[in-house]
Full PDB file with SEQRES, HELIX, SHEET, SSBOND, CRYST1, ORIGX, SCALE, CONECT and MASTER records, all heavy atoms in Angstrom:
SEQRES   1 A   33  ASP GLN VAL LEU TYR ASN LEU ARG ASP ARG GLY ILE GLU          
SEQRES   2 A   33  TYR ASP LEU ILE PRO TRP CYS GLY ARG HIS GLY ILE PRO          
SEQRES   3 A   33  VAL MET ALA TYR THR PRO LEU                                  
HELIX    1 AA1 GLY A   11  GLU A   13  5                                   3    
HELIX    2 AA2 LEU A   16  ARG A   22  1                                   7    
SHEET    1 AA1 2 GLN A   2  LEU A   4  0                                        
SHEET    2 AA1 2 MET A  28  TYR A  30  1                                        
CRYST1    1.000    1.000    1.000  90.00  90.00  90.00 P 1           1          
ORIGX1      1.000000  0.000000  0.000000        0.00000                         
ORIGX2      0.000000  1.000000  0.000000        0.00000                         
ORIGX3      0.000000  0.000000  1.000000        0.00000                         
SCALE1      1.000000  0.000000  0.000000        0.00000                         
SCALE2      0.000000  1.000000  0.000000        0.00000                         
SCALE3      0.000000  0.000000  1.000000        0.00000                         
ATOM      1  N   ASP A   1      47.809  12.058 -91.120  1.00  0.00           N  
ATOM      2  CA  ASP A   1      48.070  11.673 -89.675  1.00  0.00           C  
ATOM      3  C   ASP A   1      46.777  11.374 -89.063  1.00  0.00           C  
ATOM      4  O   ASP A   1      45.805  12.102 -89.004  1.00  0.00           O  
ATOM      5  CB  ASP A   1      48.778  12.822 -88.912  1.00  0.00           C  
ATOM      6  CG  ASP A   1      49.311  12.378 -87.520  1.00  0.00           C  
ATOM      7  OD1 ASP A   1      49.392  11.044 -87.295  1.00  0.00           O  
ATOM      8  OD2 ASP A   1      49.556  13.129 -86.737  1.00  0.00           O  
ATOM      9  N   GLN A   2      46.689  10.084 -88.627  1.00  0.00           N  
ATOM     10  CA  GLN A   2      45.376   9.514 -88.055  1.00  0.00           C  
ATOM     11  C   GLN A   2      45.470   9.478 -86.576  1.00  0.00           C  
ATOM     12  O   GLN A   2      46.428   8.810 -86.011  1.00  0.00           O  
ATOM     13  CB  GLN A   2      45.029   8.094 -88.594  1.00  0.00           C  
ATOM     14  CG  GLN A   2      43.784   7.620 -88.115  1.00  0.00           C  
ATOM     15  CD  GLN A   2      43.309   6.318 -88.708  1.00  0.00           C  
ATOM     16  OE1 GLN A   2      42.942   5.383 -87.912  1.00  0.00           O  
ATOM     17  NE2 GLN A   2      43.348   6.197 -90.011  1.00  0.00           N  
ATOM     18  N   VAL A   3      44.635  10.234 -85.965  1.00  0.00           N  
ATOM     19  CA  VAL A   3      44.703  10.368 -84.441  1.00  0.00           C  
ATOM     20  C   VAL A   3      43.293  10.415 -83.810  1.00  0.00           C  
ATOM     21  O   VAL A   3      42.325  10.608 -84.540  1.00  0.00           O  
ATOM     22  CB  VAL A   3      45.386  11.734 -84.094  1.00  0.00           C  
ATOM     23  CG1 VAL A   3      46.843  11.663 -84.466  1.00  0.00           C  
ATOM     24  CG2 VAL A   3      44.775  12.941 -84.705  1.00  0.00           C  
ATOM     25  N   LEU A   4      43.222  10.243 -82.477  1.00  0.00           N  
ATOM     26  CA  LEU A   4      41.971  10.320 -81.757  1.00  0.00           C  
ATOM     27  C   LEU A   4      41.467  11.735 -81.763  1.00  0.00           C  
ATOM     28  O   LEU A   4      42.291  12.632 -81.418  1.00  0.00           O  
ATOM     29  CB  LEU A   4      42.262   9.799 -80.378  1.00  0.00           C  
ATOM     30  CG  LEU A   4      41.092   9.860 -79.425  1.00  0.00           C  
ATOM     31  CD1 LEU A   4      39.972   8.823 -79.779  1.00  0.00           C  
ATOM     32  CD2 LEU A   4      41.435   9.656 -77.985  1.00  0.00           C  
ATOM     33  N   TYR A   5      40.214  11.970 -82.066  1.00  0.00           N  
ATOM     34  CA  TYR A   5      39.726  13.352 -82.139  1.00  0.00           C  
ATOM     35  C   TYR A   5      38.132  13.310 -82.040  1.00  0.00           C  
ATOM     36  O   TYR A   5      37.553  12.659 -82.902  1.00  0.00           O  
ATOM     37  CB  TYR A   5      40.095  14.039 -83.416  1.00  0.00           C  
ATOM     38  CG  TYR A   5      39.667  15.498 -83.524  1.00  0.00           C  
ATOM     39  CD1 TYR A   5      39.763  16.325 -82.488  1.00  0.00           C  
ATOM     40  CD2 TYR A   5      39.116  15.933 -84.671  1.00  0.00           C  
ATOM     41  CE1 TYR A   5      39.404  17.756 -82.582  1.00  0.00           C  
ATOM     42  CE2 TYR A   5      38.725  17.322 -84.828  1.00  0.00           C  
ATOM     43  CZ  TYR A   5      38.885  18.221 -83.831  1.00  0.00           C  
ATOM     44  OH  TYR A   5      38.448  19.530 -83.892  1.00  0.00           O  
ATOM     45  N   ASN A   6      37.647  13.942 -81.086  1.00  0.00           N  
ATOM     46  CA  ASN A   6      36.197  14.064 -80.855  1.00  0.00           C  
ATOM     47  C   ASN A   6      35.915  15.203 -79.901  1.00  0.00           C  
ATOM     48  O   ASN A   6      36.839  15.838 -79.486  1.00  0.00           O  
ATOM     49  CB  ASN A   6      35.540  12.740 -80.373  1.00  0.00           C  
ATOM     50  CG  ASN A   6      36.099  12.164 -79.091  1.00  0.00           C  
ATOM     51  OD1 ASN A   6      36.060  12.888 -78.048  1.00  0.00           O  
ATOM     52  ND2 ASN A   6      36.786  11.094 -79.117  1.00  0.00           N  
ATOM     53  N   LEU A   7      34.630  15.376 -79.629  1.00  0.00           N  
ATOM     54  CA  LEU A   7      34.290  16.617 -78.883  1.00  0.00           C  
ATOM     55  C   LEU A   7      34.922  16.624 -77.437  1.00  0.00           C  
ATOM     56  O   LEU A   7      35.155  17.672 -76.879  1.00  0.00           O  
ATOM     57  CB  LEU A   7      32.797  16.784 -78.764  1.00  0.00           C  
ATOM     58  CG  LEU A   7      32.108  17.373 -79.949  1.00  0.00           C  
ATOM     59  CD1 LEU A   7      30.631  17.163 -79.909  1.00  0.00           C  
ATOM     60  CD2 LEU A   7      32.458  18.811 -80.098  1.00  0.00           C  
ATOM     61  N   ARG A   8      35.213  15.450 -76.919  1.00  0.00           N  
ATOM     62  CA  ARG A   8      35.692  15.274 -75.621  1.00  0.00           C  
ATOM     63  C   ARG A   8      37.235  15.193 -75.647  1.00  0.00           C  
ATOM     64  O   ARG A   8      37.923  15.426 -74.590  1.00  0.00           O  
ATOM     65  CB  ARG A   8      35.283  13.985 -74.915  1.00  0.00           C  
ATOM     66  CG  ARG A   8      33.844  14.119 -74.334  1.00  0.00           C  
ATOM     67  CD  ARG A   8      33.844  14.690 -72.903  1.00  0.00           C  
ATOM     68  NE  ARG A   8      32.496  14.993 -72.478  1.00  0.00           N  
ATOM     69  CZ  ARG A   8      31.653  14.165 -71.934  1.00  0.00           C  
ATOM     70  NH1 ARG A   8      32.016  12.924 -71.812  1.00  0.00           N  
ATOM     71  NH2 ARG A   8      30.492  14.499 -71.447  1.00  0.00           N  
ATOM     72  N   ASP A   9      37.861  14.990 -76.813  1.00  0.00           N  
ATOM     73  CA  ASP A   9      39.242  14.929 -77.037  1.00  0.00           C  
ATOM     74  C   ASP A   9      39.664  15.886 -78.033  1.00  0.00           C  
ATOM     75  O   ASP A   9      39.990  15.486 -79.205  1.00  0.00           O  
ATOM     76  CB  ASP A   9      39.638  13.413 -77.364  1.00  0.00           C  
ATOM     77  CG  ASP A   9      39.400  12.497 -76.301  1.00  0.00           C  
ATOM     78  OD1 ASP A   9      40.116  12.505 -75.227  1.00  0.00           O  
ATOM     79  OD2 ASP A   9      38.369  11.766 -76.580  1.00  0.00           O  
ATOM     80  N   ARG A  10      39.753  17.222 -77.670  1.00  0.00           N  
ATOM     81  CA  ARG A  10      40.055  18.259 -78.652  1.00  0.00           C  
ATOM     82  C   ARG A  10      41.474  18.720 -78.559  1.00  0.00           C  
ATOM     83  O   ARG A  10      41.801  19.770 -79.259  1.00  0.00           O  
ATOM     84  CB  ARG A  10      39.034  19.416 -78.412  1.00  0.00           C  
ATOM     85  CG  ARG A  10      37.693  19.091 -78.688  1.00  0.00           C  
ATOM     86  CD  ARG A  10      36.689  20.338 -78.575  1.00  0.00           C  
ATOM     87  NE  ARG A  10      37.043  21.396 -79.422  1.00  0.00           N  
ATOM     88  CZ  ARG A  10      36.185  22.440 -79.581  1.00  0.00           C  
ATOM     89  NH1 ARG A  10      35.148  22.637 -78.909  1.00  0.00           N  
ATOM     90  NH2 ARG A  10      36.596  23.400 -80.512  1.00  0.00           N  
ATOM     91  N   GLY A  11      42.319  18.053 -77.779  1.00  0.00           N  
ATOM     92  CA  GLY A  11      43.685  18.492 -77.611  1.00  0.00           C  
ATOM     93  C   GLY A  11      44.442  18.891 -78.877  1.00  0.00           C  
ATOM     94  O   GLY A  11      45.250  19.783 -78.924  1.00  0.00           O  
ATOM     95  N   ILE A  12      44.171  18.030 -80.027  1.00  0.00           N  
ATOM     96  CA  ILE A  12      44.941  18.287 -81.227  1.00  0.00           C  
ATOM     97  C   ILE A  12      44.654  19.673 -81.872  1.00  0.00           C  
ATOM     98  O   ILE A  12      45.423  20.022 -82.741  1.00  0.00           O  
ATOM     99  CB  ILE A  12      44.741  17.126 -82.226  1.00  0.00           C  
ATOM    100  CG1 ILE A  12      43.339  17.101 -82.734  1.00  0.00           C  
ATOM    101  CG2 ILE A  12      45.210  15.814 -81.662  1.00  0.00           C  
ATOM    102  CD1 ILE A  12      43.164  16.075 -83.910  1.00  0.00           C  
ATOM    103  N   GLU A  13      43.538  20.373 -81.459  1.00  0.00           N  
ATOM    104  CA  GLU A  13      43.294  21.570 -81.965  1.00  0.00           C  
ATOM    105  C   GLU A  13      44.329  22.651 -81.681  1.00  0.00           C  
ATOM    106  O   GLU A  13      44.497  23.608 -82.331  1.00  0.00           O  
ATOM    107  CB  GLU A  13      41.885  22.071 -81.645  1.00  0.00           C  
ATOM    108  CG  GLU A  13      40.765  21.237 -82.176  1.00  0.00           C  
ATOM    109  CD  GLU A  13      39.425  21.707 -81.686  1.00  0.00           C  
ATOM    110  OE1 GLU A  13      39.257  22.890 -81.156  1.00  0.00           O  
ATOM    111  OE2 GLU A  13      38.446  20.866 -81.807  1.00  0.00           O  
ATOM    112  N   TYR A  14      45.024  22.422 -80.561  1.00  0.00           N  
ATOM    113  CA  TYR A  14      45.899  23.444 -80.038  1.00  0.00           C  
ATOM    114  C   TYR A  14      47.072  23.581 -80.967  1.00  0.00           C  
ATOM    115  O   TYR A  14      47.529  24.743 -81.293  1.00  0.00           O  
ATOM    116  CB  TYR A  14      46.416  23.005 -78.603  1.00  0.00           C  
ATOM    117  CG  TYR A  14      47.340  24.116 -78.029  1.00  0.00           C  
ATOM    118  CD1 TYR A  14      46.653  25.256 -77.410  1.00  0.00           C  
ATOM    119  CD2 TYR A  14      48.658  24.079 -77.989  1.00  0.00           C  
ATOM    120  CE1 TYR A  14      47.499  26.237 -76.884  1.00  0.00           C  
ATOM    121  CE2 TYR A  14      49.433  25.049 -77.444  1.00  0.00           C  
ATOM    122  CZ  TYR A  14      48.874  26.044 -76.907  1.00  0.00           C  
ATOM    123  OH  TYR A  14      49.655  27.079 -76.309  1.00  0.00           O  
ATOM    124  N   ASP A  15      47.659  22.475 -81.412  1.00  0.00           N  
ATOM    125  CA  ASP A  15      48.861  22.676 -82.343  1.00  0.00           C  
ATOM    126  C   ASP A  15      48.886  21.701 -83.482  1.00  0.00           C  
ATOM    127  O   ASP A  15      49.352  22.008 -84.535  1.00  0.00           O  
ATOM    128  CB  ASP A  15      50.134  22.647 -81.529  1.00  0.00           C  
ATOM    129  CG  ASP A  15      50.224  21.331 -80.683  1.00  0.00           C  
ATOM    130  OD1 ASP A  15      49.369  20.468 -80.598  1.00  0.00           O  
ATOM    131  OD2 ASP A  15      51.338  21.124 -80.065  1.00  0.00           O  
ATOM    132  N   LEU A  16      48.393  20.419 -83.269  1.00  0.00           N  
ATOM    133  CA  LEU A  16      48.593  19.460 -84.366  1.00  0.00           C  
ATOM    134  C   LEU A  16      47.735  19.765 -85.523  1.00  0.00           C  
ATOM    135  O   LEU A  16      48.239  19.768 -86.736  1.00  0.00           O  
ATOM    136  CB  LEU A  16      48.186  18.016 -83.901  1.00  0.00           C  
ATOM    137  CG  LEU A  16      48.431  16.911 -84.932  1.00  0.00           C  
ATOM    138  CD1 LEU A  16      49.891  16.837 -85.405  1.00  0.00           C  
ATOM    139  CD2 LEU A  16      48.000  15.564 -84.353  1.00  0.00           C  
ATOM    140  N   ILE A  17      46.409  20.067 -85.503  1.00  0.00           N  
ATOM    141  CA  ILE A  17      45.626  20.398 -86.601  1.00  0.00           C  
ATOM    142  C   ILE A  17      46.093  21.688 -87.333  1.00  0.00           C  
ATOM    143  O   ILE A  17      46.298  21.675 -88.548  1.00  0.00           O  
ATOM    144  CB  ILE A  17      44.136  20.583 -86.213  1.00  0.00           C  
ATOM    145  CG1 ILE A  17      43.511  19.160 -85.869  1.00  0.00           C  
ATOM    146  CG2 ILE A  17      43.318  21.425 -87.277  1.00  0.00           C  
ATOM    147  CD1 ILE A  17      41.970  19.311 -85.544  1.00  0.00           C  
ATOM    148  N   PRO A  18      46.526  22.769 -86.567  1.00  0.00           N  
ATOM    149  CA  PRO A  18      47.061  23.832 -87.311  1.00  0.00           C  
ATOM    150  C   PRO A  18      48.319  23.540 -88.021  1.00  0.00           C  
ATOM    151  O   PRO A  18      48.612  24.029 -89.132  1.00  0.00           O  
ATOM    152  CB  PRO A  18      47.325  25.011 -86.255  1.00  0.00           C  
ATOM    153  CG  PRO A  18      46.318  24.582 -85.186  1.00  0.00           C  
ATOM    154  CD  PRO A  18      46.211  23.097 -85.206  1.00  0.00           C  
ATOM    155  N   TRP A  19      49.218  22.779 -87.369  1.00  0.00           N  
ATOM    156  CA  TRP A  19      50.426  22.362 -88.037  1.00  0.00           C  
ATOM    157  C   TRP A  19      50.215  21.515 -89.298  1.00  0.00           C  
ATOM    158  O   TRP A  19      50.874  21.773 -90.325  1.00  0.00           O  
ATOM    159  CB  TRP A  19      51.396  21.467 -87.027  1.00  0.00           C  
ATOM    160  CG  TRP A  19      52.663  21.123 -87.541  1.00  0.00           C  
ATOM    161  CD1 TRP A  19      53.889  21.830 -87.414  1.00  0.00           C  
ATOM    162  CD2 TRP A  19      52.992  20.065 -88.286  1.00  0.00           C  
ATOM    163  NE1 TRP A  19      54.901  21.257 -88.016  1.00  0.00           N  
ATOM    164  CE2 TRP A  19      54.432  20.118 -88.589  1.00  0.00           C  
ATOM    165  CE3 TRP A  19      52.334  18.851 -88.873  1.00  0.00           C  
ATOM    166  CZ2 TRP A  19      55.109  19.155 -89.363  1.00  0.00           C  
ATOM    167  CZ3 TRP A  19      52.916  17.966 -89.631  1.00  0.00           C  
ATOM    168  CH2 TRP A  19      54.342  18.026 -89.924  1.00  0.00           C  
ATOM    169  N   CYS A  20      49.276  20.504 -89.210  1.00  0.00           N  
ATOM    170  CA  CYS A  20      48.946  19.714 -90.389  1.00  0.00           C  
ATOM    171  C   CYS A  20      48.388  20.613 -91.504  1.00  0.00           C  
ATOM    172  O   CYS A  20      48.701  20.414 -92.698  1.00  0.00           O  
ATOM    173  CB  CYS A  20      47.950  18.646 -89.959  1.00  0.00           C  
ATOM    174  SG  CYS A  20      48.713  17.316 -89.112  1.00  0.00           S  
ATOM    175  N   GLY A  21      47.601  21.654 -91.099  1.00  0.00           N  
ATOM    176  CA  GLY A  21      46.953  22.531 -92.142  1.00  0.00           C  
ATOM    177  C   GLY A  21      48.090  23.283 -92.835  1.00  0.00           C  
ATOM    178  O   GLY A  21      48.022  23.489 -94.094  1.00  0.00           O  
ATOM    179  N   ARG A  22      49.071  23.714 -92.090  1.00  0.00           N  
ATOM    180  CA  ARG A  22      50.214  24.521 -92.820  1.00  0.00           C  
ATOM    181  C   ARG A  22      50.992  23.639 -93.716  1.00  0.00           C  
ATOM    182  O   ARG A  22      51.508  24.248 -94.668  1.00  0.00           O  
ATOM    183  CB  ARG A  22      51.144  25.127 -91.673  1.00  0.00           C  
ATOM    184  CG  ARG A  22      50.366  26.239 -90.787  1.00  0.00           C  
ATOM    185  CD  ARG A  22      51.400  27.058 -90.064  1.00  0.00           C  
ATOM    186  NE  ARG A  22      52.188  26.189 -89.121  1.00  0.00           N  
ATOM    187  CZ  ARG A  22      51.796  25.952 -87.807  1.00  0.00           C  
ATOM    188  NH1 ARG A  22      50.623  26.488 -87.410  1.00  0.00           N  
ATOM    189  NH2 ARG A  22      52.473  25.183 -87.007  1.00  0.00           N  
ATOM    190  N   HIS A  23      51.104  22.367 -93.473  1.00  0.00           N  
ATOM    191  CA  HIS A  23      51.781  21.430 -94.227  1.00  0.00           C  
ATOM    192  C   HIS A  23      51.046  20.650 -95.267  1.00  0.00           C  
ATOM    193  O   HIS A  23      51.541  19.695 -95.887  1.00  0.00           O  
ATOM    194  CB  HIS A  23      52.636  20.605 -93.421  1.00  0.00           C  
ATOM    195  CG  HIS A  23      53.777  21.269 -92.608  1.00  0.00           C  
ATOM    196  ND1 HIS A  23      53.558  21.927 -91.475  1.00  0.00           N  
ATOM    197  CD2 HIS A  23      55.080  21.477 -92.966  1.00  0.00           C  
ATOM    198  CE1 HIS A  23      54.662  22.451 -90.959  1.00  0.00           C  
ATOM    199  NE2 HIS A  23      55.614  22.191 -91.832  1.00  0.00           N  
ATOM    200  N   GLY A  24      49.770  20.992 -95.428  1.00  0.00           N  
ATOM    201  CA  GLY A  24      48.889  20.316 -96.353  1.00  0.00           C  
ATOM    202  C   GLY A  24      48.715  18.880 -96.071  1.00  0.00           C  
ATOM    203  O   GLY A  24      48.561  17.987 -96.957  1.00  0.00           O  
ATOM    204  N   ILE A  25      48.681  18.415 -94.727  1.00  0.00           N  
ATOM    205  CA  ILE A  25      48.523  17.044 -94.291  1.00  0.00           C  
ATOM    206  C   ILE A  25      47.137  16.885 -93.625  1.00  0.00           C  
ATOM    207  O   ILE A  25      47.013  17.372 -92.509  1.00  0.00           O  
ATOM    208  CB  ILE A  25      49.660  16.620 -93.354  1.00  0.00           C  
ATOM    209  CG1 ILE A  25      50.973  16.748 -94.096  1.00  0.00           C  
ATOM    210  CG2 ILE A  25      49.407  15.236 -92.880  1.00  0.00           C  
ATOM    211  CD1 ILE A  25      52.206  16.494 -93.308  1.00  0.00           C  
ATOM    212  N   PRO A  26      46.209  16.184 -94.172  1.00  0.00           N  
ATOM    213  CA  PRO A  26      44.883  16.069 -93.561  1.00  0.00           C  
ATOM    214  C   PRO A  26      44.988  15.229 -92.249  1.00  0.00           C  
ATOM    215  O   PRO A  26      45.949  14.359 -92.135  1.00  0.00           O  
ATOM    216  CB  PRO A  26      44.011  15.270 -94.641  1.00  0.00           C  
ATOM    217  CG  PRO A  26      44.734  15.534 -95.916  1.00  0.00           C  
ATOM    218  CD  PRO A  26      46.213  15.670 -95.559  1.00  0.00           C  
ATOM    219  N   VAL A  27      44.170  15.439 -91.362  1.00  0.00           N  
ATOM    220  CA  VAL A  27      44.054  14.712 -90.121  1.00  0.00           C  
ATOM    221  C   VAL A  27      42.820  13.754 -90.340  1.00  0.00           C  
ATOM    222  O   VAL A  27      41.798  14.176 -90.619  1.00  0.00           O  
ATOM    223  CB  VAL A  27      43.792  15.636 -88.903  1.00  0.00           C  
ATOM    224  CG1 VAL A  27      43.402  14.918 -87.682  1.00  0.00           C  
ATOM    225  CG2 VAL A  27      45.063  16.517 -88.625  1.00  0.00           C  
ATOM    226  N   MET A  28      43.107  12.462 -89.947  1.00  0.00           N  
ATOM    227  CA  MET A  28      42.141  11.457 -89.995  1.00  0.00           C  
ATOM    228  C   MET A  28      41.700  11.200 -88.516  1.00  0.00           C  
ATOM    229  O   MET A  28      42.492  10.811 -87.695  1.00  0.00           O  
ATOM    230  CB  MET A  28      42.624  10.198 -90.557  1.00  0.00           C  
ATOM    231  CG  MET A  28      43.044  10.384 -92.110  1.00  0.00           C  
ATOM    232  SD  MET A  28      43.784   8.870 -92.793  1.00  0.00           S  
ATOM    233  CE  MET A  28      42.190   7.865 -92.930  1.00  0.00           C  
ATOM    234  N   ALA A  29      40.427  11.423 -88.251  1.00  0.00           N  
ATOM    235  CA  ALA A  29      39.866  11.361 -86.823  1.00  0.00           C  
ATOM    236  C   ALA A  29      39.264  10.045 -86.610  1.00  0.00           C  
ATOM    237  O   ALA A  29      38.319   9.628 -87.176  1.00  0.00           O  
ATOM    238  CB  ALA A  29      38.857  12.438 -86.627  1.00  0.00           C  
ATOM    239  N   TYR A  30      40.041   9.253 -85.744  1.00  0.00           N  
ATOM    240  CA  TYR A  30      39.286   7.983 -85.327  1.00  0.00           C  
ATOM    241  C   TYR A  30      38.549   8.172 -83.927  1.00  0.00           C  
ATOM    242  O   TYR A  30      38.861   9.103 -83.222  1.00  0.00           O  
ATOM    243  CB  TYR A  30      40.399   6.781 -85.182  1.00  0.00           C  
ATOM    244  CG  TYR A  30      41.351   6.815 -84.157  1.00  0.00           C  
ATOM    245  CD1 TYR A  30      41.130   6.501 -82.813  1.00  0.00           C  
ATOM    246  CD2 TYR A  30      42.666   7.057 -84.511  1.00  0.00           C  
ATOM    247  CE1 TYR A  30      42.081   6.475 -81.878  1.00  0.00           C  
ATOM    248  CE2 TYR A  30      43.676   6.999 -83.581  1.00  0.00           C  
ATOM    249  CZ  TYR A  30      43.371   6.745 -82.184  1.00  0.00           C  
ATOM    250  OH  TYR A  30      44.444   6.714 -81.284  1.00  0.00           O  
ATOM    251  N   THR A  31      37.614   7.350 -83.661  1.00  0.00           N  
ATOM    252  CA  THR A  31      36.664   7.461 -82.555  1.00  0.00           C  
ATOM    253  C   THR A  31      36.055   8.859 -82.567  1.00  0.00           C  
ATOM    254  O   THR A  31      36.024   9.462 -81.566  1.00  0.00           O  
ATOM    255  CB  THR A  31      37.387   7.147 -81.282  1.00  0.00           C  
ATOM    256  OG1 THR A  31      38.253   6.098 -81.408  1.00  0.00           O  
ATOM    257  CG2 THR A  31      36.396   6.823 -80.085  1.00  0.00           C  
ATOM    258  N   PRO A  32      35.610   9.332 -83.744  1.00  0.00           N  
ATOM    259  CA  PRO A  32      35.013  10.661 -83.768  1.00  0.00           C  
ATOM    260  C   PRO A  32      33.698  10.812 -83.037  1.00  0.00           C  
ATOM    261  O   PRO A  32      33.300  12.036 -82.788  1.00  0.00           O  
ATOM    262  CB  PRO A  32      34.724  10.863 -85.213  1.00  0.00           C  
ATOM    263  CG  PRO A  32      34.430   9.454 -85.783  1.00  0.00           C  
ATOM    264  CD  PRO A  32      35.471   8.640 -85.026  1.00  0.00           C  
ATOM    265  N   LEU A  33      33.045   9.774 -82.598  1.00  0.00           N  
ATOM    266  CA  LEU A  33      31.798   9.822 -81.875  1.00  0.00           C  
ATOM    267  C   LEU A  33      32.070   9.638 -80.352  1.00  0.00           C  
ATOM    268  O   LEU A  33      31.124   9.431 -79.623  1.00  0.00           O  
ATOM    269  CB  LEU A  33      30.796   8.850 -82.404  1.00  0.00           C  
ATOM    270  CG  LEU A  33      30.424   9.054 -83.874  1.00  0.00           C  
ATOM    271  CD1 LEU A  33      29.433   7.993 -84.324  1.00  0.00           C  
ATOM    272  CD2 LEU A  33      29.828  10.401 -84.180  1.00  0.00           C  
TER     273      LEU A  33                                                      
MASTER        0    0    0    2    2    0    0    6  272    1    0    3          
END                                                                             
């Protein structure tokens, strides 16, 4: 799943990153800088 993720946009840490981790699905971070 490719989503926006950087230090100012950390919202996916609340549930999407843990959910993807449990299902073995890597997160692709665009605009990481």
